[in-house]
Amino acid sequence: MNILILGSGGREHAIAWQLKRSESANNLWCAPGNAGTAAITSNVNIDPLDFGAIKNFIQDTGIDLIIVGPEAPLAAGIADYLDGTCLVFGPQSAGAKIESSKLFAKQFMQRNGISTAEFALFDDYGKARRFLKENSGSWVIKADGLAAGKGVFVTNST
């Protein structure tokens, strides 16, 4: 099986390392990859959000399976775009929305009776600030959308 791993982080390195041990993986590529993946796969200089270049590479090299590591290409619809091109390990954009939109996830949980912390939605800085002043305690503030693990702030109780 010819496999393309999309991404450049430690997650993709771990996936590549494990797949390299499999007899089913004939050829492994990682796009764009990193120094760790370069030691065990062939890195390809393709941006994970350049869907056209990814599709061309898949067709040119006979990729059977693409494993999408990062959330951004999934949220942007890479699985939808590649549908029918090869097997795609990763959800289509509608399924990725639960990860890519904090608001969607919270509303989904609330709508379906899934336990989740209390939340409030603000699109106005002044209103959010007033809410924090009027409601003591620590609050977690998150922006909607992907933030590469850096979009969370915890307030203090004062």
Protein backbone atom coordinates (compact mmCIF):
# COMPACT_ATOMS: atom_id res chain seq x y z
CA MET A 1 0.00 0.00 0.00
CA ASN A 2 1.25 3.50 -0.89
CA ILE A 3 0.55 5.91 1.96
CA LEU A 4 0.78 9.69 2.25
CA ILE A 5 0.82 11.20 5.73
CA LEU A 6 -0.21 14.84 5.72
CA GLY A 7 1.36 17.09 8.36
CA SER A 8 4.63 18.05 10.00
CA GLY A 9 4.29 17.41 13.72
CA GLY A 10 5.09 14.77 16.27
CA ARG A 11 1.75 13.07 15.62
CA GLU A 12 2.70 12.52 11.98
CA HIS A 13 6.16 11.26 12.99
CA ALA A 14 4.58 8.72 15.37
CA ILE A 15 2.17 7.55 12.66
CA ALA A 16 5.01 7.22 10.14
CA TRP A 17 7.20 5.35 12.63
CA GLN A 18 4.46 2.82 13.32
CA LEU A 19 3.49 2.40 9.67
CA LYS A 20 7.13 1.85 8.70
CA ARG A 21 7.02 -1.28 10.86
CA SER A 22 4.03 -2.65 8.91
CA GLU A 23 4.46 -5.08 6.05
CA SER A 24 1.37 -3.54 4.42
CA ALA A 25 3.03 -0.16 3.88
CA ASN A 26 5.05 -0.47 0.69
CA ASN A 27 5.88 3.21 0.28
CA LEU A 28 5.51 6.09 2.75
CA TRP A 29 5.55 9.81 2.05
CA CYS A 30 5.01 12.69 4.45
CA ALA A 31 3.93 16.16 3.31
CA PRO A 32 5.59 18.35 4.32
CA GLY A 33 7.04 16.20 7.10
CA ASN A 34 9.85 17.09 9.49
CA ALA A 35 13.37 15.97 10.38
CA GLY A 36 12.01 12.91 12.17
CA THR A 37 9.82 11.79 9.29
CA ALA A 38 12.68 12.40 6.84
CA ALA A 39 14.58 9.57 8.54
CA ILE A 40 11.82 7.03 7.87
CA THR A 41 9.77 8.33 4.91
CA SER A 42 10.22 10.48 1.84
CA ASN A 43 9.26 14.03 2.74
CA VAL A 44 7.42 15.98 0.05
CA ASN A 45 7.36 19.78 0.09
CA ILE A 46 3.60 20.26 -0.23
CA ASP A 47 1.56 22.64 1.92
CA PRO A 48 -1.18 20.69 3.76
CA LEU A 49 -3.71 23.30 2.59
CA ASP A 50 -2.74 23.08 -1.11
CA PHE A 51 -5.43 20.57 -2.03
CA GLY A 52 -4.69 20.69 -5.76
CA ALA A 53 -1.00 19.85 -5.26
CA ILE A 54 -1.92 17.07 -2.84
CA LYS A 55 -4.39 15.56 -5.31
CA ASN A 56 -1.83 15.74 -8.12
CA PHE A 57 0.77 13.99 -5.94
CA ILE A 58 -1.74 11.28 -5.02
CA GLN A 59 -2.58 10.66 -8.67
CA ASP A 60 1.04 10.83 -9.86
CA THR A 61 2.37 8.38 -7.26
CA GLY A 62 -0.58 6.00 -6.94
CA ILE A 63 -1.34 6.76 -3.30
CA ASP A 64 -3.86 4.30 -1.85
CA LEU A 65 -4.35 6.00 1.53
CA ILE A 66 -3.84 9.51 2.90
CA ILE A 67 -3.72 10.01 6.66
CA VAL A 68 -4.50 13.60 7.61
CA GLY A 69 -2.88 14.67 10.88
CA PRO A 70 -3.56 18.39 11.33
CA GLU A 71 -7.02 19.77 12.01
CA ALA A 72 -6.78 22.72 9.58
CA PRO A 73 -6.92 20.68 6.33
CA LEU A 74 -9.78 18.60 7.73
CA ALA A 75 -11.73 21.72 8.72
CA ALA A 76 -11.02 23.20 5.29
CA GLY A 77 -12.52 20.14 3.61
CA ILE A 78 -9.64 18.03 2.32
CA ALA A 79 -11.57 14.78 2.88
CA ASP A 80 -14.48 16.18 0.86
CA TYR A 81 -12.10 17.36 -1.90
CA LEU A 82 -10.29 14.01 -2.17
CA ASP A 83 -13.45 11.89 -2.03
CA GLY A 84 -13.08 9.19 -4.68
CA THR A 85 -9.37 9.89 -5.25
CA CYS A 86 -8.05 7.48 -2.59
CA LEU A 87 -8.95 6.32 0.90
CA VAL A 88 -8.89 9.27 3.29
CA PHE A 89 -8.28 8.69 7.00
CA GLY A 90 -9.98 11.69 8.54
CA PRO A 91 -13.49 13.12 8.71
CA GLN A 92 -15.14 15.26 6.08
CA SER A 93 -15.52 18.94 6.95
CA ALA A 94 -18.93 18.46 8.60
CA GLY A 95 -17.46 15.86 10.97
CA ALA A 96 -14.36 17.95 11.63
CA LYS A 97 -16.50 20.87 12.74
CA ILE A 98 -16.81 19.47 16.25
CA GLU A 99 -13.04 19.96 16.60
CA SER A 100 -12.66 23.12 14.54
CA SER A 101 -15.49 25.16 16.10
CA LYS A 102 -15.71 25.40 19.87
CA LEU A 103 -19.11 27.07 19.57
CA PHE A 104 -20.47 24.28 17.36
CA ALA A 105 -19.13 21.67 19.80
CA LYS A 106 -20.65 23.36 22.86
CA GLN A 107 -24.03 23.85 21.15
CA PHE A 108 -23.97 20.24 19.91
CA MET A 109 -23.29 18.96 23.43
CA GLN A 110 -25.98 21.18 24.93
CA ARG A 111 -28.53 20.18 22.26
CA ASN A 112 -27.82 16.46 22.77
CA GLY A 113 -27.72 16.39 26.57
CA ILE A 114 -23.97 15.74 26.76
CA SER A 115 -22.41 17.06 29.96
CA THR A 116 -20.29 20.13 29.39
CA ALA A 117 -19.22 23.16 31.38
CA GLU A 118 -21.48 26.20 31.48
CA PHE A 119 -20.75 28.62 28.66
CA ALA A 120 -21.73 31.98 27.27
CA LEU A 121 -21.20 33.39 23.79
CA PHE A 122 -19.92 36.89 23.14
CA ASP A 123 -19.11 38.72 19.94
CA ASP A 124 -18.61 42.04 21.71
CA TYR A 125 -15.53 42.63 23.89
CA GLY A 126 -17.33 45.05 26.22
CA LYS A 127 -20.14 42.60 26.94
CA ALA A 128 -17.66 39.81 27.62
CA ARG A 129 -15.70 42.04 29.99
CA ARG A 130 -18.88 43.03 31.86
CA PHE A 131 -19.86 39.37 32.19
CA LEU A 132 -16.50 38.55 33.77
CA LYS A 133 -16.76 41.47 36.21
CA GLU A 134 -20.29 40.47 37.25
CA ASN A 135 -19.55 36.74 37.59
CA SER A 136 -16.79 35.89 40.04
CA GLY A 137 -14.59 32.85 39.79
CA SER A 138 -12.27 31.53 37.16
CA TRP A 139 -13.48 31.35 33.58
CA VAL A 140 -11.97 29.76 30.51
CA ILE A 141 -12.01 32.00 27.46
CA LYS A 142 -11.75 30.40 24.03
CA ALA A 143 -11.99 31.92 20.60
CA ASP A 144 -14.08 29.99 18.10
CA GLY A 145 -12.05 28.24 15.42
CA LEU A 146 -8.67 26.55 15.29
CA ALA A 147 -5.89 28.10 17.37
CA ALA A 148 -3.14 25.45 17.25
CA GLY A 149 -3.64 24.72 20.95
CA LYS A 150 -2.94 28.32 21.88
CA GLY A 151 -6.42 29.85 21.99
CA VAL A 152 -7.29 29.32 25.65
CA PHE A 153 -7.04 31.84 28.48
CA VAL A 154 -8.01 31.24 32.10
CA THR A 155 -9.16 34.24 34.12
CA ASN A 156 -8.41 34.63 37.80
CA SER A 157 -11.04 35.23 40.44
CA THR A 158 -10.34 38.94 40.88
